C-alpha atoms as a PDB file:
ATOM      1  CA  MET A   1      -9.180 -23.629  -5.754  1.00  0.00           C
ATOM      2  CA  MET A   2      -6.587 -25.156  -3.481  1.00  0.00           C
ATOM      3  CA  ARG A   3      -7.013 -28.435  -1.637  1.00  0.00           C
ATOM      4  CA  THR A   4      -5.266 -28.918   1.687  1.00  0.00           C
ATOM      5  CA  LYS A   5      -5.141 -32.347   3.347  1.00  0.00           C
ATOM      6  CA  SER A   6      -4.421 -33.269   6.932  1.00  0.00           C
ATOM      7  CA  ALA A   7      -4.520 -36.686   8.592  1.00  0.00           C
ATOM      8  CA  GLN A   8      -8.287 -36.875   9.060  1.00  0.00           C
ATOM      9  CA  VAL A   9      -9.832 -33.698   7.710  1.00  0.00           C
ATOM     10  CA  GLU A  10      -9.930 -32.470   4.147  1.00  0.00           C
ATOM     11  CA  ILE A  11     -10.591 -28.760   3.647  1.00  0.00           C
ATOM     12  CA  ASN A  12     -11.288 -27.138   0.296  1.00  0.00           C
ATOM     13  CA  ILE A  13     -10.271 -23.523   0.055  1.00  0.00           C
ATOM     14  CA  SER A  14     -11.504 -21.037  -2.553  1.00  0.00           C
ATOM     15  CA  GLN A  15      -9.504 -17.853  -2.925  1.00  0.00           C
ATOM     16  CA  GLY A  16     -10.003 -14.560  -4.670  1.00  0.00           C
ATOM     17  CA  ILE A  17      -8.043 -11.353  -4.986  1.00  0.00           C
ATOM     18  CA  ILE A  18      -9.824  -8.032  -5.409  1.00  0.00           C
ATOM     19  CA  GLY A  19      -7.869  -5.112  -6.868  1.00  0.00           C
ATOM     20  CA  ALA A  20      -8.249  -1.329  -6.875  1.00  0.00           C
ATOM     21  CA  PHE A  21      -7.200   0.608  -9.963  1.00  0.00           C
ATOM     22  CA  THR A  22      -6.792   4.272 -10.882  1.00  0.00           C
ATOM     23  CA  ALA A  23      -8.671   5.786 -13.839  1.00  0.00           C
ATOM     24  CA  ASP A  24      -5.498   5.085 -15.847  1.00  0.00           C
ATOM     25  CA  SER A  25      -5.763   1.366 -14.967  1.00  0.00           C
ATOM     26  CA  ASP A  26      -2.793   1.416 -12.581  1.00  0.00           C
ATOM     27  CA  LEU A  27      -3.075  -1.194  -9.836  1.00  0.00           C
ATOM     28  CA  VAL A  28      -2.889   0.601  -6.450  1.00  0.00           C
ATOM     29  CA  GLY A  29      -4.048  -2.065  -4.006  1.00  0.00           C
ATOM     30  CA  THR A  30      -5.206  -5.649  -3.553  1.00  0.00           C
ATOM     31  CA  LEU A  31      -6.809  -7.700  -0.814  1.00  0.00           C
ATOM     32  CA  LYS A  32      -7.182 -11.493  -0.794  1.00  0.00           C
ATOM     33  CA  TYR A  33     -10.078 -13.422   0.701  1.00  0.00           C
ATOM     34  CA  THR A  34     -10.303 -17.155   1.314  1.00  0.00           C
ATOM     35  CA  LEU A  35     -13.528 -19.153   1.690  1.00  0.00           C
ATOM     36  CA  TRP A  36     -13.264 -22.275   3.840  1.00  0.00           C
ATOM     37  CA  ASP A  37     -15.505 -24.777   2.054  1.00  0.00           C
ATOM     38  CA  GLY A  38     -17.936 -26.557   4.329  1.00  0.00           C
ATOM     39  CA  LEU A  39     -17.493 -23.945   7.045  1.00  0.00           C
ATOM     40  CA  ALA A  40     -19.422 -20.704   7.400  1.00  0.00           C
ATOM     41  CA  ILE A  41     -16.216 -18.676   7.704  1.00  0.00           C
ATOM     42  CA  TYR A  42     -13.676 -16.949   5.528  1.00  0.00           C
ATOM     43  CA  SER A  43     -10.371 -15.194   6.026  1.00  0.00           C
ATOM     44  CA  ILE A  44      -8.978 -11.950   4.657  1.00  0.00           C
ATOM     45  CA  GLY A  45      -5.329 -11.082   4.247  1.00  0.00           C
ATOM     46  CA  ALA A  46      -2.388 -10.643   1.885  1.00  0.00           C
ATOM     47  CA  MET A  47      -2.958  -6.909   1.512  1.00  0.00           C
ATOM     48  CA  TYR A  48      -0.901  -4.919  -0.997  1.00  0.00           C
ATOM     49  CA  ILE A  49      -0.834  -1.116  -1.300  1.00  0.00           C
ATOM     50  CA  LYS A  50       1.333   0.520  -3.943  1.00  0.00           C
ATOM     51  CA  PRO A  51       4.136   2.468  -2.210  1.00  0.00           C
ATOM     52  CA  GLY A  52       3.503   6.213  -1.925  1.00  0.00           C
ATOM     53  CA  ILE A  53      -0.321   5.964  -1.989  1.00  0.00           C
ATOM     54  CA  ILE A  54      -0.875   6.340   1.772  1.00  0.00           C
ATOM     55  CA  SER A  55       1.195   6.546   4.936  1.00  0.00           C
ATOM     56  CA  ARG A  56       2.037   3.055   6.172  1.00  0.00           C
ATOM     57  CA  TYR A  57      -0.122   3.182   9.290  1.00  0.00           C
ATOM     58  CA  ASP A  58      -3.001   5.478   8.347  1.00  0.00           C
ATOM     59  CA  PHE A  59      -5.995   3.783   6.782  1.00  0.00           C
ATOM     60  CA  SER A  60      -8.066   6.924   7.462  1.00  0.00           C
ATOM     61  CA  ASN A  61      -6.484   8.571   4.404  1.00  0.00           C
ATOM     62  CA  PRO A  62      -9.242   9.060   1.782  1.00  0.00           C
ATOM     63  CA  ASP A  63      -6.820   7.810  -0.895  1.00  0.00           C
ATOM     64  CA  ASN A  64      -6.608   4.416   0.828  1.00  0.00           C
ATOM     65  CA  PRO A  65      -7.520   1.912  -1.914  1.00  0.00           C
ATOM     66  CA  ILE A  66      -8.149  -0.999   0.464  1.00  0.00           C
ATOM     67  CA  THR A  67     -11.155   0.366   2.381  1.00  0.00           C
ATOM     68  CA  PRO A  68     -13.608   0.070  -0.552  1.00  0.00           C
ATOM     69  CA  ILE A  69     -12.237  -3.398  -1.318  1.00  0.00           C
ATOM     70  CA  LEU A  70     -12.911  -4.530   2.253  1.00  0.00           C
ATOM     71  CA  ASP A  71     -16.444  -3.099   2.111  1.00  0.00           C
ATOM     72  CA  PHE A  72     -17.022  -4.959  -1.161  1.00  0.00           C
ATOM     73  CA  ILE A  73     -15.792  -8.261   0.308  1.00  0.00           C
ATOM     74  CA  LEU A  74     -17.819  -7.859   3.523  1.00  0.00           C
ATOM     75  CA  GLN A  75     -21.021  -7.014   1.623  1.00  0.00           C
ATOM     76  CA  SER A  76     -20.514  -9.886  -0.826  1.00  0.00           C
ATOM     77  CA  MET A  77     -19.948 -12.371   1.980  1.00  0.00           C
ATOM     78  CA  GLU A  78     -22.910 -11.087   4.020  1.00  0.00           C
ATOM     79  CA  ASP A  79     -25.099 -11.538   0.937  1.00  0.00           C
ATOM     80  CA  LYS A  80     -23.944 -15.185   0.869  1.00  0.00           C
ATOM     81  CA  LYS A  81     -24.725 -15.541   4.626  1.00  0.00           C
ATOM     82  CA  TYR A  82     -21.071 -15.645   5.700  1.00  0.00           C
ATOM     83  CA  TYR A  83     -20.991 -13.618   8.909  1.00  0.00           C
ATOM     84  CA  THR A  84     -17.653 -14.577  10.475  1.00  0.00           C
ATOM     85  CA  TRP A  85     -14.158 -13.994   9.151  1.00  0.00           C
ATOM     86  CA  PHE A  86     -10.590 -14.162  10.399  1.00  0.00           C
ATOM     87  CA  TYR A  87      -7.356 -12.316   9.839  1.00  0.00           C
ATOM     88  CA  SER A  88      -3.856 -12.556  11.215  1.00  0.00           C
ATOM     89  CA  ARG A  89      -1.434  -9.811  12.087  1.00  0.00           C
ATOM     90  CA  ALA A  90       1.740  -9.165  14.025  1.00  0.00           C
ATOM     91  CA  LEU A  91       1.753  -7.698  17.505  1.00  0.00           C
ATOM     92  CA  SER A  92       3.845  -4.594  16.939  1.00  0.00           C
ATOM     93  CA  PRO A  93       4.031  -0.892  17.850  1.00  0.00           C
ATOM     94  CA  GLY A  94       2.838   0.141  14.375  1.00  0.00           C
ATOM     95  CA  TYR A  95      -0.312  -1.964  14.477  1.00  0.00           C
ATOM     96  CA  HIS A  96      -0.944  -0.890  18.059  1.00  0.00           C
ATOM     97  CA  LYS A  97      -0.748   2.765  16.975  1.00  0.00           C
ATOM     98  CA  ILE A  98      -3.313   2.383  14.187  1.00  0.00           C
ATOM     99  CA  GLN A  99      -5.603   0.374  16.488  1.00  0.00           C
ATOM    100  CA  LYS A 100      -5.368   2.951  19.287  1.00  0.00           C
ATOM    101  CA  THR A 101      -6.127   5.896  16.958  1.00  0.00           C
ATOM    102  CA  LYS A 102      -8.921   3.906  15.234  1.00  0.00           C
ATOM    103  CA  HIS A 103      -7.149   4.358  11.901  1.00  0.00           C
ATOM    104  CA  ASP A 104      -7.189   0.597  11.332  1.00  0.00           C
ATOM    105  CA  LEU A 105      -8.922  -0.842   8.306  1.00  0.00           C
ATOM    106  CA  LEU A 106     -12.012  -2.254  10.025  1.00  0.00           C
ATOM    107  CA  ASN A 107     -12.773   1.068  11.750  1.00  0.00           C
ATOM    108  CA  GLN A 108     -12.358   2.963   8.480  1.00  0.00           C
ATOM    109  CA  CYS A 109     -14.636   0.893   6.244  1.00  0.00           C
ATOM    110  CA  LYS A 110     -18.388   1.533   6.117  1.00  0.00           C
ATOM    111  CA  LEU A 111     -19.424  -1.921   7.317  1.00  0.00           C
ATOM    112  CA  GLY A 112     -16.698  -2.357   9.955  1.00  0.00           C
ATOM    113  CA  SER A 113     -18.715  -0.917  12.841  1.00  0.00           C
ATOM    114  CA  ARG A 114     -21.181  -3.808  12.507  1.00  0.00           C
ATOM    115  CA  TYR A 115     -18.535  -6.354  13.508  1.00  0.00           C
ATOM    116  CA  ASP A 116     -17.185  -7.384  16.890  1.00  0.00           C
ATOM    117  CA  ARG A 117     -13.536  -8.501  17.093  1.00  0.00           C
ATOM    118  CA  PHE A 118     -12.249 -11.357  19.212  1.00  0.00           C
ATOM    119  CA  ILE A 119      -8.657 -12.460  19.783  1.00  0.00           C
ATOM    120  CA  MET A 120      -8.644 -16.189  19.063  1.00  0.00           C
ATOM    121  CA  GLU A 121      -4.980 -16.909  19.639  1.00  0.00           C
ATOM    122  CA  VAL A 122      -1.646 -15.208  20.230  1.00  0.00           C
ATOM    123  CA  VAL A 123       1.216 -17.167  18.700  1.00  0.00           C
ATOM    124  CA  PRO A 124       4.549 -16.329  20.354  1.00  0.00           C
ATOM    125  CA  ALA A 125       7.520 -15.448  18.157  1.00  0.00           C
ATOM    126  CA  GLY A 126       9.425 -18.525  17.035  1.00  0.00           C
ATOM    127  CA  MET A 127       6.401 -20.820  17.499  1.00  0.00           C
ATOM    128  CA  ARG A 128       3.673 -22.205  15.252  1.00  0.00           C
ATOM    129  CA  SER A 129       0.001 -22.455  16.083  1.00  0.00           C
ATOM    130  CA  LEU A 130      -1.231 -25.888  17.139  1.00  0.00           C
ATOM    131  CA  ILE A 131      -4.596 -25.094  15.529  1.00  0.00           C
ATOM    132  CA  LYS A 132      -4.332 -26.131  11.874  1.00  0.00           C
ATOM    133  CA  ALA A 133      -6.599 -23.388  10.506  1.00  0.00           C
ATOM    134  CA  HIS A 134      -4.685 -20.713  12.456  1.00  0.00           C
ATOM    135  CA  ASP A 135      -1.357 -22.137  11.314  1.00  0.00           C
ATOM    136  CA  ASN A 136      -2.624 -21.992   7.733  1.00  0.00           C
ATOM    137  CA  MET A 137      -3.556 -18.310   8.167  1.00  0.00           C
ATOM    138  CA  LEU A 138       0.018 -17.718   9.345  1.00  0.00           C
ATOM    139  CA  SER A 139       1.352 -19.377   6.142  1.00  0.00           C
ATOM    140  CA  ASN A 140       2.392 -22.527   8.030  1.00  0.00           C
ATOM    141  CA  GLN A 141       5.620 -20.947   9.192  1.00  0.00           C
ATOM    142  CA  VAL A 142       7.442 -19.547  12.192  1.00  0.00           C
ATOM    143  CA  TRP A 143       7.471 -15.740  12.541  1.00  0.00           C
ATOM    144  CA  VAL A 144      10.066 -13.574  14.302  1.00  0.00           C
ATOM    145  CA  LYS A 145       7.348 -11.423  15.925  1.00  0.00           C
ATOM    146  CA  ASN A 146       4.415 -12.382  18.102  1.00  0.00           C
ATOM    147  CA  SER A 147       1.342 -12.882  15.907  1.00  0.00           C
ATOM    148  CA  MET A 148      -2.343 -13.114  16.564  1.00  0.00           C
ATOM    149  CA  ILE A 149      -5.442 -14.536  14.949  1.00  0.00           C
ATOM    150  CA  VAL A 150      -8.475 -12.260  15.105  1.00  0.00           C
ATOM    151  CA  MET A 151     -12.071 -13.312  14.510  1.00  0.00           C
ATOM    152  CA  CYS A 152     -14.596 -10.719  13.317  1.00  0.00           C
ATOM    153  CA  SER A 153     -18.249 -11.598  13.719  1.00  0.00           C
ATOM    154  CA  LEU A 154     -21.265  -9.677  12.449  1.00  0.00           C
ATOM    155  CA  ARG A 155     -23.568  -8.718  15.314  1.00  0.00           C
ATOM    156  CA  ASN A 156     -26.957 -10.469  15.370  1.00  0.00           C
ATOM    157  CA  GLU A 157     -28.923  -7.307  14.613  1.00  0.00           C
ATOM    158  CA  PHE A 158     -27.391  -7.251  11.103  1.00  0.00           C
ATOM    159  CA  ARG A 159     -27.905 -10.951  10.316  1.00  0.00           C
ATOM    160  CA  GLU A 160     -30.784 -12.728   8.676  1.00  0.00           C
ATOM    161  CA  TRP A 161     -32.662 -14.322  11.578  1.00  0.00           C
ATOM    162  CA  GLY A 162     -30.791 -12.007  13.945  1.00  0.00           C
ATOM    163  CA  ASP A 163     -34.006 -11.352  15.867  1.00  0.00           C
ATOM    164  CA  VAL A 164     -34.824 -15.028  16.497  1.00  0.00           C
ATOM    165  CA  PHE A 165     -34.061 -14.746  20.222  1.00  0.00           C
ATOM    166  CA  GLU A 166     -36.743 -12.072  20.573  1.00  0.00           C
ATOM    167  CA  LYS A 167     -39.241 -13.869  18.296  1.00  0.00           C
ATOM    168  CA  GLU A 168     -38.503 -17.405  19.473  1.00  0.00           C
ATOM    169  CA  PRO A 169     -41.929 -17.953  21.089  1.00  0.00           C
ATOM    170  CA  ALA A 170     -43.549 -17.514  17.652  1.00  0.00           C
ATOM    171  CA  PHE A 171     -41.758 -20.645  16.421  1.00  0.00           C
ATOM    172  CA  TYR A 172     -43.291 -22.955  19.022  1.00  0.00           C
ATOM    173  CA  ALA A 173     -46.602 -21.209  19.662  1.00  0.00           C
END
């Protein structure tokens, strides 16, 4: 657990790293998740894939070790009623290519189609985010490329109480 302090707000952060291993116990990939204590959100990032396992920009490869890790994290967080998560990434031709061909990680995992993505902020190269949580997701530093913060939110139909808008009259009848 890491504790981060700002002038008026104290945020506790719990982190975990999930790894993928071969039958021979060789580590082939990891993905880190971070729970934001007191908030119903988490972030995912710090991905590692052992070189030579998959092509750099093709998460559709069946040997991709990260896809099952992401599914595991998403299912675990949904079970705990965490339905919104964030990630950061650079704006670059490589990421654009995997997004355009739908070979990105969220499109390749089993649970990814249940989430809507929203761009929360684009941080220009050489700048830092003025939003403390976003700046934290960008490692509190200046990057040489444009970066963005993306929010992924589970659609209501997959949430507990996701049908409350349709059944609302039953609550005050």
